[in-house]
Amino acid sequence: MDDTKWKVFFLLSRRLLGEGDSDPSLSTSWCAYTTFSSLGHGVYYFNSGFPEIEHCLDSCIADGSTWRQSIRYDDLAHIVIPAAFYWEKVGDVFSCGYKEQDIVALASELTRHNIEHRITDQVLEIKLY
């Protein structure tokens, strides 16, 4: 997976799955990801919607995006996109539910662009380790 393919992956994900936010109740897309750097520090996974198109740069996700920090594409180790994700909103009234993502359509576009991935009924993933 090179930088060009990562950028295409993010642009397709944003176009097909929708706007991202760090709060799942406000987001129409959702994913979990980890970096090679993180694998040496406790294997922490970050969760968020997909970054804005203007933050998908040639070699990284820009600082200040939905992801809140710059992530170099060559540091991405694993990204998981669920077919459905849970959200909840706590306020005067509690509300919750699930939002679905069309990972089948995304898989089709990734295949068309020769971007290797794995898909099951539950998730689409790119795993580089």
C-alpha atoms as a PDB file:
ATOM      1  CA  MET A   1       0.000   0.000   0.000  1.00  0.00           C
ATOM      2  CA  ASP A   2       1.641   3.214  -1.110  1.00  0.00           C
ATOM      3  CA  ASP A   3       0.669   6.821  -0.377  1.00  0.00           C
ATOM      4  CA  THR A   4      -1.292   7.158  -3.637  1.00  0.00           C
ATOM      5  CA  LYS A   5      -3.452   4.122  -2.840  1.00  0.00           C
ATOM      6  CA  TRP A   6      -4.040   5.327   0.722  1.00  0.00           C
ATOM      7  CA  LYS A   7      -5.195   8.693  -0.549  1.00  0.00           C
ATOM      8  CA  VAL A   8      -7.560   7.029  -3.036  1.00  0.00           C
ATOM      9  CA  PHE A   9      -8.830   4.779  -0.222  1.00  0.00           C
ATOM     10  CA  PHE A  10      -9.664   7.783   1.968  1.00  0.00           C
ATOM     11  CA  LEU A  11     -11.287   9.744  -0.841  1.00  0.00           C
ATOM     12  CA  LEU A  12     -13.448   6.752  -1.810  1.00  0.00           C
ATOM     13  CA  SER A  13     -14.368   6.042   1.815  1.00  0.00           C
ATOM     14  CA  ARG A  14     -15.410   9.618   2.412  1.00  0.00           C
ATOM     15  CA  ARG A  15     -17.429   9.779  -0.837  1.00  0.00           C
ATOM     16  CA  LEU A  16     -19.191   6.424  -0.359  1.00  0.00           C
ATOM     17  CA  LEU A  17     -19.612   6.299   3.432  1.00  0.00           C
ATOM     18  CA  GLY A  18     -20.159   9.978   4.160  1.00  0.00           C
ATOM     19  CA  GLU A  19     -19.075  12.691   6.523  1.00  0.00           C
ATOM     20  CA  GLY A  20     -16.976  11.901   9.525  1.00  0.00           C
ATOM     21  CA  ASP A  21     -16.942  13.215  13.062  1.00  0.00           C
ATOM     22  CA  SER A  22     -15.154  12.189  16.243  1.00  0.00           C
ATOM     23  CA  ASP A  23     -18.580  11.681  17.871  1.00  0.00           C
ATOM     24  CA  PRO A  24     -20.366   8.646  16.377  1.00  0.00           C
ATOM     25  CA  SER A  25     -23.777  10.214  16.988  1.00  0.00           C
ATOM     26  CA  LEU A  26     -22.804  13.044  14.603  1.00  0.00           C
ATOM     27  CA  SER A  27     -20.921  10.914  12.085  1.00  0.00           C
ATOM     28  CA  THR A  28     -22.258   9.095   9.032  1.00  0.00           C
ATOM     29  CA  SER A  29     -19.011   7.108   8.658  1.00  0.00           C
ATOM     30  CA  TRP A  30     -16.885   5.266  11.210  1.00  0.00           C
ATOM     31  CA  CYS A  31     -13.643   3.318  11.403  1.00  0.00           C
ATOM     32  CA  ALA A  32     -10.981   2.131  13.817  1.00  0.00           C
ATOM     33  CA  TYR A  33      -7.299   2.309  12.978  1.00  0.00           C
ATOM     34  CA  THR A  34      -3.880   1.776  14.438  1.00  0.00           C
ATOM     35  CA  THR A  35      -0.398   2.700  13.359  1.00  0.00           C
ATOM     36  CA  PHE A  36       2.895   0.867  13.321  1.00  0.00           C
ATOM     37  CA  SER A  37       4.060   3.414  15.913  1.00  0.00           C
ATOM     38  CA  SER A  38       1.150   2.448  18.154  1.00  0.00           C
ATOM     39  CA  LEU A  39       1.920  -1.258  17.888  1.00  0.00           C
ATOM     40  CA  GLY A  40       4.996  -0.610  20.008  1.00  0.00           C
ATOM     41  CA  HIS A  41       3.044   1.336  22.633  1.00  0.00           C
ATOM     42  CA  GLY A  42       0.174  -0.894  23.693  1.00  0.00           C
ATOM     43  CA  VAL A  43      -1.601  -1.510  20.355  1.00  0.00           C
ATOM     44  CA  TYR A  44      -3.998   1.396  20.760  1.00  0.00           C
ATOM     45  CA  TYR A  45      -6.815   1.761  18.232  1.00  0.00           C
ATOM     46  CA  PHE A  46      -8.272   5.167  17.416  1.00  0.00           C
ATOM     47  CA  ASN A  47     -11.947   5.531  16.420  1.00  0.00           C
ATOM     48  CA  SER A  48     -13.480   8.210  14.251  1.00  0.00           C
ATOM     49  CA  GLY A  49     -15.420   9.027  11.138  1.00  0.00           C
ATOM     50  CA  PHE A  50     -13.483   9.574   7.921  1.00  0.00           C
ATOM     51  CA  PRO A  51     -11.498  12.808   7.561  1.00  0.00           C
ATOM     52  CA  GLU A  52     -12.597  15.669   5.351  1.00  0.00           C
ATOM     53  CA  ILE A  53     -11.485  15.464   1.708  1.00  0.00           C
ATOM     54  CA  GLU A  54      -9.274  18.549   2.044  1.00  0.00           C
ATOM     55  CA  HIS A  55      -7.411  16.828   4.912  1.00  0.00           C
ATOM     56  CA  CYS A  56      -6.496  13.794   2.759  1.00  0.00           C
ATOM     57  CA  LEU A  57      -3.102  15.006   1.582  1.00  0.00           C
ATOM     58  CA  ASP A  58      -0.613  13.231  -0.691  1.00  0.00           C
ATOM     59  CA  SER A  59       1.312  11.511   2.119  1.00  0.00           C
ATOM     60  CA  CYS A  60      -0.811  11.874   5.257  1.00  0.00           C
ATOM     61  CA  ILE A  61      -4.039  12.848   6.941  1.00  0.00           C
ATOM     62  CA  ALA A  62      -3.565  16.490   7.908  1.00  0.00           C
ATOM     63  CA  ASP A  63      -3.419  17.748  11.462  1.00  0.00           C
ATOM     64  CA  GLY A  64      -6.703  19.336  12.549  1.00  0.00           C
ATOM     65  CA  SER A  65      -8.935  16.915  10.669  1.00  0.00           C
ATOM     66  CA  THR A  66     -11.675  14.769  12.155  1.00  0.00           C
ATOM     67  CA  TRP A  67      -8.812  12.491  13.217  1.00  0.00           C
ATOM     68  CA  ARG A  68      -7.432  15.398  15.322  1.00  0.00           C
ATOM     69  CA  GLN A  69      -3.810  14.591  14.469  1.00  0.00           C
ATOM     70  CA  SER A  70      -1.581  14.074  11.489  1.00  0.00           C
ATOM     71  CA  ILE A  71      -1.166  10.421  10.504  1.00  0.00           C
ATOM     72  CA  ARG A  72       1.361   9.477   7.837  1.00  0.00           C
ATOM     73  CA  TYR A  73      -0.006   6.910   5.394  1.00  0.00           C
ATOM     74  CA  ASP A  74       3.178   4.844   5.694  1.00  0.00           C
ATOM     75  CA  ASP A  75       2.512   4.556   9.446  1.00  0.00           C
ATOM     76  CA  LEU A  76      -1.004   3.090   9.031  1.00  0.00           C
ATOM     77  CA  ALA A  77      -0.938  -0.582  10.017  1.00  0.00           C
ATOM     78  CA  HIS A  78      -4.613  -1.589  10.214  1.00  0.00           C
ATOM     79  CA  ILE A  79      -7.932   0.063   9.468  1.00  0.00           C
ATOM     80  CA  VAL A  80     -11.296  -1.566  10.184  1.00  0.00           C
ATOM     81  CA  ILE A  81     -14.624  -0.308   8.849  1.00  0.00           C
ATOM     82  CA  PRO A  82     -17.691  -1.916  10.428  1.00  0.00           C
ATOM     83  CA  ALA A  83     -20.816  -2.621   8.395  1.00  0.00           C
ATOM     84  CA  ALA A  84     -22.760  -0.997  11.250  1.00  0.00           C
ATOM     85  CA  PHE A  85     -21.620   1.095  14.191  1.00  0.00           C
ATOM     86  CA  TYR A  86     -23.246   1.990  17.486  1.00  0.00           C
ATOM     87  CA  TRP A  87     -23.889   5.559  18.603  1.00  0.00           C
ATOM     88  CA  GLU A  88     -25.468   7.113  21.663  1.00  0.00           C
ATOM     89  CA  LYS A  89     -26.368  10.601  22.763  1.00  0.00           C
ATOM     90  CA  VAL A  90     -26.697  11.515  26.430  1.00  0.00           C
ATOM     91  CA  GLY A  91     -28.609  14.664  27.273  1.00  0.00           C
ATOM     92  CA  ASP A  92     -32.070  15.514  28.518  1.00  0.00           C
ATOM     93  CA  VAL A  93     -33.159  12.350  26.718  1.00  0.00           C
ATOM     94  CA  PHE A  94     -30.954   9.325  26.083  1.00  0.00           C
ATOM     95  CA  SER A  95     -30.968   8.102  22.487  1.00  0.00           C
ATOM     96  CA  CYS A  96     -28.963   5.429  20.721  1.00  0.00           C
ATOM     97  CA  GLY A  97     -28.911   3.219  17.687  1.00  0.00           C
ATOM     98  CA  TYR A  98     -26.873   1.813  14.854  1.00  0.00           C
ATOM     99  CA  LYS A  99     -25.792   3.385  11.592  1.00  0.00           C
ATOM    100  CA  GLU A 100     -25.066   1.194   8.594  1.00  0.00           C
ATOM    101  CA  GLN A 101     -22.208   1.639   6.141  1.00  0.00           C
ATOM    102  CA  ASP A 102     -22.181   0.216   2.622  1.00  0.00           C
ATOM    103  CA  ILE A 103     -18.889  -1.658   2.862  1.00  0.00           C
ATOM    104  CA  VAL A 104     -19.877  -3.822  -0.139  1.00  0.00           C
ATOM    105  CA  ALA A 105     -19.959  -0.750  -2.399  1.00  0.00           C
ATOM    106  CA  LEU A 106     -16.651   0.405  -0.927  1.00  0.00           C
ATOM    107  CA  ALA A 107     -15.106  -3.035  -1.507  1.00  0.00           C
ATOM    108  CA  SER A 108     -16.207  -2.912  -5.141  1.00  0.00           C
ATOM    109  CA  GLU A 109     -14.531   0.463  -5.668  1.00  0.00           C
ATOM    110  CA  LEU A 110     -11.369  -0.645  -3.853  1.00  0.00           C
ATOM    111  CA  THR A 111     -11.173  -3.702  -6.116  1.00  0.00           C
ATOM    112  CA  ARG A 112     -11.653  -1.475  -9.164  1.00  0.00           C
ATOM    113  CA  HIS A 113      -8.690   0.631  -7.976  1.00  0.00           C
ATOM    114  CA  ASN A 114      -6.517  -2.442  -7.177  1.00  0.00           C
ATOM    115  CA  ILE A 115      -6.464  -1.687  -3.446  1.00  0.00           C
ATOM    116  CA  GLU A 116      -6.098  -4.906  -1.487  1.00  0.00           C
ATOM    117  CA  HIS A 117      -8.582  -5.398   1.344  1.00  0.00           C
ATOM    118  CA  ARG A 118     -10.550  -8.054   3.176  1.00  0.00           C
ATOM    119  CA  ILE A 119     -14.324  -8.005   3.624  1.00  0.00           C
ATOM    120  CA  THR A 120     -16.709 -10.091   5.738  1.00  0.00           C
ATOM    121  CA  ASP A 121     -20.359  -9.524   6.639  1.00  0.00           C
ATOM    122  CA  GLN A 122     -19.206  -7.447   9.606  1.00  0.00           C
ATOM    123  CA  VAL A 123     -16.149  -5.466   8.486  1.00  0.00           C
ATOM    124  CA  LEU A 124     -13.959  -4.276   5.669  1.00  0.00           C
ATOM    125  CA  GLU A 125     -10.287  -4.018   6.589  1.00  0.00           C
ATOM    126  CA  ILE A 126      -6.854  -3.228   5.313  1.00  0.00           C
ATOM    127  CA  LYS A 127      -4.215  -4.927   7.432  1.00  0.00           C
ATOM    128  CA  LEU A 128      -0.527  -4.470   6.680  1.00  0.00           C
ATOM    129  CA  TYR A 129       1.067  -6.610   9.394  1.00  0.00           C
END
